[in-house]
PDB file of N, CA and C in Angstrom:
ATOM      1  N   UNK A   1      13.678   6.113  25.834  1.00  0.00           N
ATOM      2  CA  UNK A   1      13.338   7.258  25.014  1.00  0.00           C
ATOM      3  C   UNK A   1      12.185   6.844  24.102  1.00  0.00           C
ATOM      4  N   UNK A   2      11.172   7.673  24.011  1.00  0.00           N
ATOM      5  CA  UNK A   2      10.020   7.351  23.173  1.00  0.00           C
ATOM      6  C   UNK A   2      10.262   7.784  21.733  1.00  0.00           C
ATOM      7  N   UNK A   3       9.573   7.129  20.842  1.00  0.00           N
ATOM      8  CA  UNK A   3       9.670   7.436  19.418  1.00  0.00           C
ATOM      9  C   UNK A   3       8.566   8.413  19.031  1.00  0.00           C
ATOM     10  N   UNK A   4       8.844   9.266  18.071  1.00  0.00           N
ATOM     11  CA  UNK A   4       7.856  10.198  17.544  1.00  0.00           C
ATOM     12  C   UNK A   4       7.473   9.695  16.162  1.00  0.00           C
ATOM     13  N   UNK A   5       6.190   9.493  15.962  1.00  0.00           N
ATOM     14  CA  UNK A   5       5.733   8.974  14.677  1.00  0.00           C
ATOM     15  C   UNK A   5       5.468  10.130  13.708  1.00  0.00           C
ATOM     16  N   UNK A   6       5.388   9.784  12.439  1.00  0.00           N
ATOM     17  CA  UNK A   6       5.051  10.787  11.429  1.00  0.00           C
ATOM     18  C   UNK A   6       3.678  11.377  11.710  1.00  0.00           C
ATOM     19  N   UNK A   7       2.783  10.565  12.242  1.00  0.00           N
ATOM     20  CA  UNK A   7       1.441  11.044  12.578  1.00  0.00           C
ATOM     21  C   UNK A   7       1.512  12.119  13.662  1.00  0.00           C
ATOM     22  N   UNK A   8       2.395  11.903  14.665  1.00  0.00           N
ATOM     23  CA  UNK A   8       2.564  12.899  15.724  1.00  0.00           C
ATOM     24  C   UNK A   8       3.047  14.223  15.141  1.00  0.00           C
ATOM     25  N   UNK A   9       4.004  14.145  14.222  1.00  0.00           N
ATOM     26  CA  UNK A   9       4.560  15.346  13.608  1.00  0.00           C
ATOM     27  C   UNK A   9       3.525  16.042  12.744  1.00  0.00           C
ATOM     28  N   UNK A  10       2.741  15.265  12.015  1.00  0.00           N
ATOM     29  CA  UNK A  10       1.741  15.867  11.128  1.00  0.00           C
ATOM     30  C   UNK A  10       0.653  16.602  11.905  1.00  0.00           C
ATOM     31  N   UNK A  11       0.507  16.279  13.175  1.00  0.00           N
ATOM     32  CA  UNK A  11      -0.501  16.958  13.991  1.00  0.00           C
ATOM     33  C   UNK A  11      -0.021  18.313  14.516  1.00  0.00           C
ATOM     34  N   UNK A  12       1.265  18.581  14.358  1.00  0.00           N
ATOM     35  CA  UNK A  12       1.800  19.877  14.773  1.00  0.00           C
ATOM     36  C   UNK A  12       1.461  20.938  13.730  1.00  0.00           C
ATOM     37  N   UNK A  13       1.358  22.184  14.187  1.00  0.00           N
ATOM     38  CA  UNK A  13       1.163  23.266  13.220  1.00  0.00           C
ATOM     39  C   UNK A  13       2.460  23.469  12.446  1.00  0.00           C
ATOM     40  N   UNK A  14       2.388  24.206  11.340  1.00  0.00           N
ATOM     41  CA  UNK A  14       3.535  24.347  10.440  1.00  0.00           C
ATOM     42  C   UNK A  14       4.741  24.973  11.139  1.00  0.00           C
ATOM     43  N   UNK A  15       4.509  25.987  11.953  1.00  0.00           N
ATOM     44  CA  UNK A  15       5.622  26.640  12.652  1.00  0.00           C
ATOM     45  C   UNK A  15       6.329  25.660  13.588  1.00  0.00           C
ATOM     46  N   UNK A  16       5.569  24.819  14.277  1.00  0.00           N
ATOM     47  CA  UNK A  16       6.152  23.826  15.176  1.00  0.00           C
ATOM     48  C   UNK A  16       6.917  22.764  14.400  1.00  0.00           C
ATOM     49  N   UNK A  17       6.416  22.385  13.241  1.00  0.00           N
ATOM     50  CA  UNK A  17       7.112  21.410  12.402  1.00  0.00           C
ATOM     51  C   UNK A  17       8.460  21.964  11.950  1.00  0.00           C
ATOM     52  N   UNK A  18       8.466  23.237  11.538  1.00  0.00           N
ATOM     53  CA  UNK A  18       9.706  23.875  11.103  1.00  0.00           C
ATOM     54  C   UNK A  18      10.690  23.954  12.269  1.00  0.00           C
ATOM     55  N   UNK A  19      10.197  24.343  13.436  1.00  0.00           N
ATOM     56  CA  UNK A  19      11.049  24.438  14.617  1.00  0.00           C
ATOM     57  C   UNK A  19      11.631  23.072  14.981  1.00  0.00           C
ATOM     58  N   UNK A  20      10.807  22.034  14.919  1.00  0.00           N
ATOM     59  CA  UNK A  20      11.270  20.682  15.214  1.00  0.00           C
ATOM     60  C   UNK A  20      12.321  20.237  14.204  1.00  0.00           C
ATOM     61  N   UNK A  21      12.092  20.522  12.941  1.00  0.00           N
ATOM     62  CA  UNK A  21      13.052  20.155  11.898  1.00  0.00           C
ATOM     63  C   UNK A  21      14.386  20.862  12.125  1.00  0.00           C
ATOM     64  N   UNK A  22      14.339  22.148  12.458  1.00  0.00           N
ATOM     65  CA  UNK A  22      15.581  22.889  12.725  1.00  0.00           C
ATOM     66  C   UNK A  22      16.309  22.309  13.933  1.00  0.00           C
ATOM     67  N   UNK A  23      15.540  21.940  14.957  1.00  0.00           N
ATOM     68  CA  UNK A  23      16.143  21.348  16.151  1.00  0.00           C
ATOM     69  C   UNK A  23      16.827  20.023  15.807  1.00  0.00           C
ATOM     70  N   UNK A  24      16.147  19.177  15.054  1.00  0.00           N
ATOM     71  CA  UNK A  24      16.716  17.877  14.675  1.00  0.00           C
ATOM     72  C   UNK A  24      17.958  18.068  13.817  1.00  0.00           C
ATOM     73  N   UNK A  25      17.917  19.003  12.872  1.00  0.00           N
ATOM     74  CA  UNK A  25      19.089  19.280  12.039  1.00  0.00           C
ATOM     75  C   UNK A  25      20.257  19.773  12.883  1.00  0.00           C
ATOM     76  N   UNK A  26      19.971  20.620  13.850  1.00  0.00           N
ATOM     77  CA  UNK A  26      21.008  21.135  14.743  1.00  0.00           C
ATOM     78  C   UNK A  26      21.625  20.005  15.560  1.00  0.00           C
ATOM     79  N   UNK A  27      20.797  19.124  16.086  1.00  0.00           N
ATOM     80  CA  UNK A  27      21.303  18.004  16.878  1.00  0.00           C
ATOM     81  C   UNK A  27      22.115  17.045  16.011  1.00  0.00           C
ATOM     82  N   UNK A  28      21.691  16.833  14.769  1.00  0.00           N
ATOM     83  CA  UNK A  28      22.459  15.985  13.849  1.00  0.00           C
ATOM     84  C   UNK A  28      23.818  16.605  13.559  1.00  0.00           C
ATOM     85  N   UNK A  29      23.846  17.919  13.362  1.00  0.00           N
ATOM     86  CA  UNK A  29      25.115  18.609  13.108  1.00  0.00           C
ATOM     87  C   UNK A  29      26.037  18.488  14.323  1.00  0.00           C
ATOM     88  N   UNK A  30      25.485  18.617  15.522  1.00  0.00           N
ATOM     89  CA  UNK A  30      26.280  18.469  16.739  1.00  0.00           C
ATOM     90  C   UNK A  30      26.845  17.049  16.837  1.00  0.00           C
ATOM     91  N   UNK A  31      26.027  16.062  16.517  1.00  0.00           N
ATOM     92  CA  UNK A  31      26.478  14.669  16.581  1.00  0.00           C
ATOM     93  C   UNK A  31      27.594  14.408  15.563  1.00  0.00           C
ATOM     94  N   UNK A  32      27.461  14.967  14.370  1.00  0.00           N
ATOM     95  CA  UNK A  32      28.505  14.803  13.350  1.00  0.00           C
ATOM     96  C   UNK A  32      29.799  15.474  13.798  1.00  0.00           C
ATOM     97  N   UNK A  33      29.687  16.661  14.370  1.00  0.00           N
ATOM     98  CA  UNK A  33      30.865  17.365  14.862  1.00  0.00           C
ATOM     99  C   UNK A  33      31.533  16.564  15.971  1.00  0.00           C
ATOM    100  N   UNK A  34      30.740  16.055  16.900  1.00  0.00           N
ATOM    101  CA  UNK A  34      31.275  15.252  17.999  1.00  0.00           C
ATOM    102  C   UNK A  34      31.987  14.015  17.467  1.00  0.00           C
ATOM    103  N   UNK A  35      31.404  13.381  16.469  1.00  0.00           N
ATOM    104  CA  UNK A  35      32.011  12.208  15.855  1.00  0.00           C
ATOM    105  C   UNK A  35      33.333  12.564  15.179  1.00  0.00           C
ATOM    106  N   UNK A  36      33.349  13.699  14.474  1.00  0.00           N
ATOM    107  CA  UNK A  36      34.581  14.146  13.814  1.00  0.00           C
ATOM    108  C   UNK A  36      35.667  14.439  14.837  1.00  0.00           C
ATOM    109  N   UNK A  37      35.304  15.093  15.918  1.00  0.00           N
ATOM    110  CA  UNK A  37      36.276  15.423  16.960  1.00  0.00           C
ATOM    111  C   UNK A  37      36.848  14.143  17.569  1.00  0.00           C
ATOM    112  N   UNK A  38      35.981  13.173  17.812  1.00  0.00           N
ATOM    113  CA  UNK A  38      36.445  11.903  18.370  1.00  0.00           C
ATOM    114  C   UNK A  38      37.408  11.218  17.400  1.00  0.00           C
ATOM    115  N   UNK A  39      37.045  11.176  16.131  1.00  0.00           N
ATOM    116  CA  UNK A  39      37.872  10.524  15.127  1.00  0.00           C
ATOM    117  C   UNK A  39      39.234  11.219  15.013  1.00  0.00           C
ATOM    118  N   UNK A  40      39.211  12.549  14.965  1.00  0.00           N
ATOM    119  CA  UNK A  40      40.449  13.299  14.813  1.00  0.00           C
ATOM    120  C   UNK A  40      41.322  13.184  16.061  1.00  0.00           C
ATOM    121  N   UNK A  41      40.718  13.185  17.238  1.00  0.00           N
ATOM    122  CA  UNK A  41      41.467  13.027  18.480  1.00  0.00           C
ATOM    123  C   UNK A  41      42.167  11.669  18.496  1.00  0.00           C
ATOM    124  N   UNK A  42      41.436  10.645  18.109  1.00  0.00           N
ATOM    125  CA  UNK A  42      42.002   9.304  18.059  1.00  0.00           C
ATOM    126  C   UNK A  42      43.156   9.245  17.055  1.00  0.00           C
ATOM    127  N   UNK A  43      42.939   9.828  15.877  1.00  0.00           N
ATOM    128  CA  UNK A  43      43.955   9.818  14.829  1.00  0.00           C
ATOM    129  C   UNK A  43      45.221  10.555  15.292  1.00  0.00           C
ATOM    130  N   UNK A  44      45.054  11.752  15.835  1.00  0.00           N
ATOM    131  CA  UNK A  44      46.210  12.538  16.278  1.00  0.00           C
ATOM    132  C   UNK A  44      46.937  11.845  17.428  1.00  0.00           C
ATOM    133  N   UNK A  45      46.196  11.267  18.349  1.00  0.00           N
ATOM    134  CA  UNK A  45      46.833  10.614  19.489  1.00  0.00           C
ATOM    135  C   UNK A  45      47.647   9.412  19.019  1.00  0.00           C
ATOM    136  N   UNK A  46      47.068   8.614  18.116  1.00  0.00           N
ATOM    137  CA  UNK A  46      47.801   7.450  17.600  1.00  0.00           C
ATOM    138  C   UNK A  46      49.046   7.867  16.831  1.00  0.00           C
ATOM    139  N   UNK A  47      48.957   8.976  16.115  1.00  0.00           N
ATOM    140  CA  UNK A  47      50.097   9.460  15.330  1.00  0.00           C
ATOM    141  C   UNK A  47      51.187  10.029  16.236  1.00  0.00           C
ATOM    142  N   UNK A  48      50.799  10.780  17.238  1.00  0.00           N
ATOM    143  CA  UNK A  48      51.759  11.542  18.035  1.00  0.00           C
ATOM    144  C   UNK A  48      52.232  10.838  19.305  1.00  0.00           C
ATOM    145  N   UNK A  49      51.444   9.912  19.808  1.00  0.00           N
ATOM    146  CA  UNK A  49      51.802   9.214  21.049  1.00  0.00           C
ATOM    147  C   UNK A  49      51.766   7.708  20.767  1.00  0.00           C
ATOM    148  N   UNK A  50      52.812   7.200  20.110  1.00  0.00           N
ATOM    149  CA  UNK A  50      52.800   5.786  19.716  1.00  0.00           C
ATOM    150  C   UNK A  50      52.840   4.817  20.898  1.00  0.00           C
ATOM    151  N   UNK A  51      53.528   5.208  21.968  1.00  0.00           N
ATOM    152  CA  UNK A  51      53.572   4.376  23.174  1.00  0.00           C
ATOM    153  C   UNK A  51      53.425   5.273  24.397  1.00  0.00           C
ATOM    154  N   UNK A  52      52.755   4.740  25.380  1.00  0.00           N
ATOM    155  CA  UNK A  52      52.583   5.490  26.624  1.00  0.00           C
ATOM    156  C   UNK A  52      53.603   4.939  27.613  1.00  0.00           C
ATOM    157  N   UNK A  53      54.597   5.762  27.927  1.00  0.00           N
ATOM    158  CA  UNK A  53      55.666   5.315  28.820  1.00  0.00           C
ATOM    159  C   UNK A  53      55.619   6.014  30.172  1.00  0.00           C
ATOM    160  N   UNK A  54      55.017   7.192  30.220  1.00  0.00           N
ATOM    161  CA  UNK A  54      54.933   7.948  31.465  1.00  0.00           C
ATOM    162  C   UNK A  54      53.464   8.310  31.691  1.00  0.00           C
ATOM    163  N   UNK A  55      53.235   9.023  32.759  1.00  0.00           N
ATOM    164  CA  UNK A  55      51.881   9.457  33.061  1.00  0.00           C
ATOM    165  C   UNK A  55      51.456  10.680  32.271  1.00  0.00           C
ATOM    166  N   UNK A  56      52.369  11.227  31.475  1.00  0.00           N
ATOM    167  CA  UNK A  56      52.037  12.408  30.683  1.00  0.00           C
ATOM    168  C   UNK A  56      52.751  12.326  29.336  1.00  0.00           C
ATOM    169  N   UNK A  57      52.365  13.188  28.431  1.00  0.00           N
ATOM    170  CA  UNK A  57      52.995  13.206  27.108  1.00  0.00           C
ATOM    171  C   UNK A  57      54.292  14.012  27.176  1.00  0.00           C
ATOM    172  N   UNK A  58      55.212  13.658  26.315  1.00  0.00           N
ATOM    173  CA  UNK A  58      56.492  14.371  26.269  1.00  0.00           C
ATOM    174  C   UNK A  58      56.303  15.715  25.566  1.00  0.00           C
ATOM    175  N   UNK A  59      57.266  16.625  25.691  1.00  0.00           N
ATOM    176  CA  UNK A  59      57.169  17.901  24.971  1.00  0.00           C
ATOM    177  C   UNK A  59      57.042  17.711  23.454  1.00  0.00           C
ATOM    178  N   UNK A  60      57.764  16.744  22.899  1.00  0.00           N
ATOM    179  CA  UNK A  60      57.667  16.495  21.454  1.00  0.00           C
ATOM    180  C   UNK A  60      56.284  15.979  21.082  1.00  0.00           C
ATOM    181  N   UNK A  61      55.738  15.101  21.908  1.00  0.00           N
ATOM    182  CA  UNK A  61      54.392  14.572  21.657  1.00  0.00           C
ATOM    183  C   UNK A  61      53.355  15.685  21.779  1.00  0.00           C
ATOM    184  N   UNK A  62      53.552  16.545  22.754  1.00  0.00           N
ATOM    185  CA  UNK A  62      52.642  17.673  22.952  1.00  0.00           C
ATOM    186  C   UNK A  62      52.653  18.606  21.738  1.00  0.00           C
ATOM    187  N   UNK A  63      53.841  18.886  21.227  1.00  0.00           N
ATOM    188  CA  UNK A  63      53.968  19.722  20.027  1.00  0.00           C
ATOM    189  C   UNK A  63      53.296  19.055  18.832  1.00  0.00           C
ATOM    190  N   UNK A  64      53.529  17.761  18.686  1.00  0.00           N
ATOM    191  CA  UNK A  64      52.911  17.010  17.588  1.00  0.00           C
ATOM    192  C   UNK A  64      51.388  17.088  17.681  1.00  0.00           C
ATOM    193  N   UNK A  65      50.839  16.879  18.871  1.00  0.00           N
ATOM    194  CA  UNK A  65      49.383  16.942  19.057  1.00  0.00           C
ATOM    195  C   UNK A  65      48.842  18.330  18.710  1.00  0.00           C
ATOM    196  N   UNK A  66      49.549  19.380  19.161  1.00  0.00           N
ATOM    197  CA  UNK A  66      49.100  20.746  18.869  1.00  0.00           C
ATOM    198  C   UNK A  66      49.118  21.013  17.365  1.00  0.00           C
ATOM    199  N   UNK A  67      50.190  20.575  16.691  1.00  0.00           N
ATOM    200  CA  UNK A  67      50.263  20.766  15.238  1.00  0.00           C
ATOM    201  C   UNK A  67      49.185  19.976  14.515  1.00  0.00           C
ATOM    202  N   UNK A  68      48.932  18.760  14.967  1.00  0.00           N
ATOM    203  CA  UNK A  68      47.900  17.924  14.355  1.00  0.00           C
ATOM    204  C   UNK A  68      46.531  18.597  14.498  1.00  0.00           C
ATOM    205  N   UNK A  69      46.253  19.101  15.689  1.00  0.00           N
ATOM    206  CA  UNK A  69      44.986  19.796  15.932  1.00  0.00           C
ATOM    207  C   UNK A  69      44.878  21.038  15.046  1.00  0.00           C
ATOM    208  N   UNK A  70      45.958  21.805  14.977  1.00  0.00           N
ATOM    209  CA  UNK A  70      45.946  23.016  14.150  1.00  0.00           C
ATOM    210  C   UNK A  70      45.665  22.690  12.690  1.00  0.00           C
ATOM    211  N   UNK A  71      46.314  21.665  12.161  1.00  0.00           N
ATOM    212  CA  UNK A  71      46.099  21.291  10.751  1.00  0.00           C
ATOM    213  C   UNK A  71      44.667  20.812  10.532  1.00  0.00           C
ATOM    214  N   UNK A  72      44.154  20.062  11.489  1.00  0.00           N
ATOM    215  CA  UNK A  72      42.771  19.593  11.397  1.00  0.00           C
ATOM    216  C   UNK A  72      41.811  20.778  11.356  1.00  0.00           C
ATOM    217  N   UNK A  73      42.010  21.739  12.258  1.00  0.00           N
ATOM    218  CA  UNK A  73      41.128  22.908  12.301  1.00  0.00           C
ATOM    219  C   UNK A  73      41.273  23.754  11.036  1.00  0.00           C
ATOM    220  N   UNK A  74      42.508  23.977  10.591  1.00  0.00           N
ATOM    221  CA  UNK A  74      42.729  24.746   9.363  1.00  0.00           C
ATOM    222  C   UNK A  74      42.007  24.101   8.177  1.00  0.00           C
ATOM    223  N   UNK A  75      42.141  22.804   8.066  1.00  0.00           N
ATOM    224  CA  UNK A  75      41.510  22.078   6.956  1.00  0.00           C
ATOM    225  C   UNK A  75      39.994  22.166   7.041  1.00  0.00           C
ATOM    226  N   UNK A  76      39.444  21.967   8.226  1.00  0.00           N
ATOM    227  CA  UNK A  76      37.985  22.027   8.368  1.00  0.00           C
ATOM    228  C   UNK A  76      37.443  23.420   8.093  1.00  0.00           C
ATOM    229  N   UNK A  77      38.133  24.437   8.560  1.00  0.00           N
ATOM    230  CA  UNK A  77      37.690  25.813   8.298  1.00  0.00           C
ATOM    231  C   UNK A  77      37.720  26.093   6.803  1.00  0.00           C
ATOM    232  N   UNK A  78      38.777  25.659   6.127  1.00  0.00           N
ATOM    233  CA  UNK A  78      38.885  25.837   4.685  1.00  0.00           C
ATOM    234  C   UNK A  78      37.721  25.148   3.965  1.00  0.00           C
ATOM    235  N   UNK A  79      37.455  23.906   4.326  1.00  0.00           N
ATOM    236  CA  UNK A  79      36.378  23.142   3.678  1.00  0.00           C
ATOM    237  C   UNK A  79      35.017  23.789   3.948  1.00  0.00           C
ATOM    238  N   UNK A  80      34.772  24.192   5.173  1.00  0.00           N
ATOM    239  CA  UNK A  80      33.494  24.825   5.515  1.00  0.00           C
ATOM    240  C   UNK A  80      33.318  26.123   4.740  1.00  0.00           C
ATOM    241  N   UNK A  81      34.360  26.929   4.644  1.00  0.00           N
ATOM    242  CA  UNK A  81      34.264  28.183   3.892  1.00  0.00           C
ATOM    243  C   UNK A  81      33.961  27.937   2.418  1.00  0.00           C
ATOM    244  N   UNK A  82      34.598  26.928   1.823  1.00  0.00           N
ATOM    245  CA  UNK A  82      34.322  26.583   0.424  1.00  0.00           C
ATOM    246  C   UNK A  82      32.893  26.085   0.264  1.00  0.00           C
ATOM    247  N   UNK A  83      32.445  25.293   1.220  1.00  0.00           N
ATOM    248  CA  UNK A  83      31.093  24.749   1.205  1.00  0.00           C
ATOM    249  C   UNK A  83      30.057  25.876   1.292  1.00  0.00           C
ATOM    250  N   UNK A  84      30.274  26.806   2.205  1.00  0.00           N
ATOM    251  CA  UNK A  84      29.368  27.951   2.373  1.00  0.00           C
ATOM    252  C   UNK A  84      29.370  28.806   1.106  1.00  0.00           C
ATOM    253  N   UNK A  85      30.537  29.066   0.549  1.00  0.00           N
ATOM    254  CA  UNK A  85      30.618  29.868  -0.675  1.00  0.00           C
ATOM    255  C   UNK A  85      29.881  29.186  -1.821  1.00  0.00           C
ATOM    256  N   UNK A  86      30.033  27.874  -1.933  1.00  0.00           N
ATOM    257  CA  UNK A  86      29.350  27.120  -2.989  1.00  0.00           C
ATOM    258  C   UNK A  86      27.832  27.265  -2.854  1.00  0.00           C
ATOM    259  N   UNK A  87      27.312  27.073  -1.642  1.00  0.00           N
ATOM    260  CA  UNK A  87      25.873  27.160  -1.451  1.00  0.00           C
ATOM    261  C   UNK A  87      25.359  28.589  -1.583  1.00  0.00           C
ATOM    262  N   UNK A  88      26.188  29.572  -1.237  1.00  0.00           N
ATOM    263  CA  UNK A  88      25.793  30.965  -1.429  1.00  0.00           C
ATOM    264  C   UNK A  88      25.643  31.257  -2.915  1.00  0.00           C
ATOM    265  N   UNK A  89      26.613  30.785  -3.708  1.00  0.00           N
ATOM    266  CA  UNK A  89      26.560  30.993  -5.160  1.00  0.00           C
ATOM    267  C   UNK A  89      25.355  30.254  -5.745  1.00  0.00           C
ATOM    268  N   UNK A  90      25.133  29.021  -5.284  1.00  0.00           N
ATOM    269  CA  UNK A  90      24.016  28.222  -5.794  1.00  0.00           C
ATOM    270  C   UNK A  90      22.660  28.860  -5.445  1.00  0.00           C
ATOM    271  N   UNK A  91      22.570  29.483  -4.282  1.00  0.00           N
ATOM    272  CA  UNK A  91      21.302  30.090  -3.875  1.00  0.00           C
ATOM    273  C   UNK A  91      20.988  31.350  -4.672  1.00  0.00           C
ATOM    274  N   UNK A  92      22.002  31.965  -5.272  1.00  0.00           N
ATOM    275  CA  UNK A  92      21.797  33.183  -6.048  1.00  0.00           C
ATOM    276  C   UNK A  92      21.491  32.893  -7.503  1.00  0.00           C
ATOM    277  N   UNK A  93      21.686  31.642  -7.924  1.00  0.00           N
ATOM    278  CA  UNK A  93      21.463  31.274  -9.328  1.00  0.00           C
ATOM    279  C   UNK A  93      19.997  31.024  -9.572  1.00  0.00           C
TER     280      UNK A  93
END
């Protein structure tokens, strides 16, 4: 993969620079989300499936995983909503 220098970016017109910045921010957000999903999957699996004894998870382990996922999603949605509300209020000040 080739590197893009600041000089390369400075040669772009303003609209292209803005588009590139939005693209990079979007890709960074995707990478952070992917990292969070990996971390949470690992955490929930370790919590809910302490030992692997069969080729599949038990009904209790399956329920635990579903509840863990639900709590993770509920918490993230709550945090994102608070974050958005904070920035909305800040942008109006």
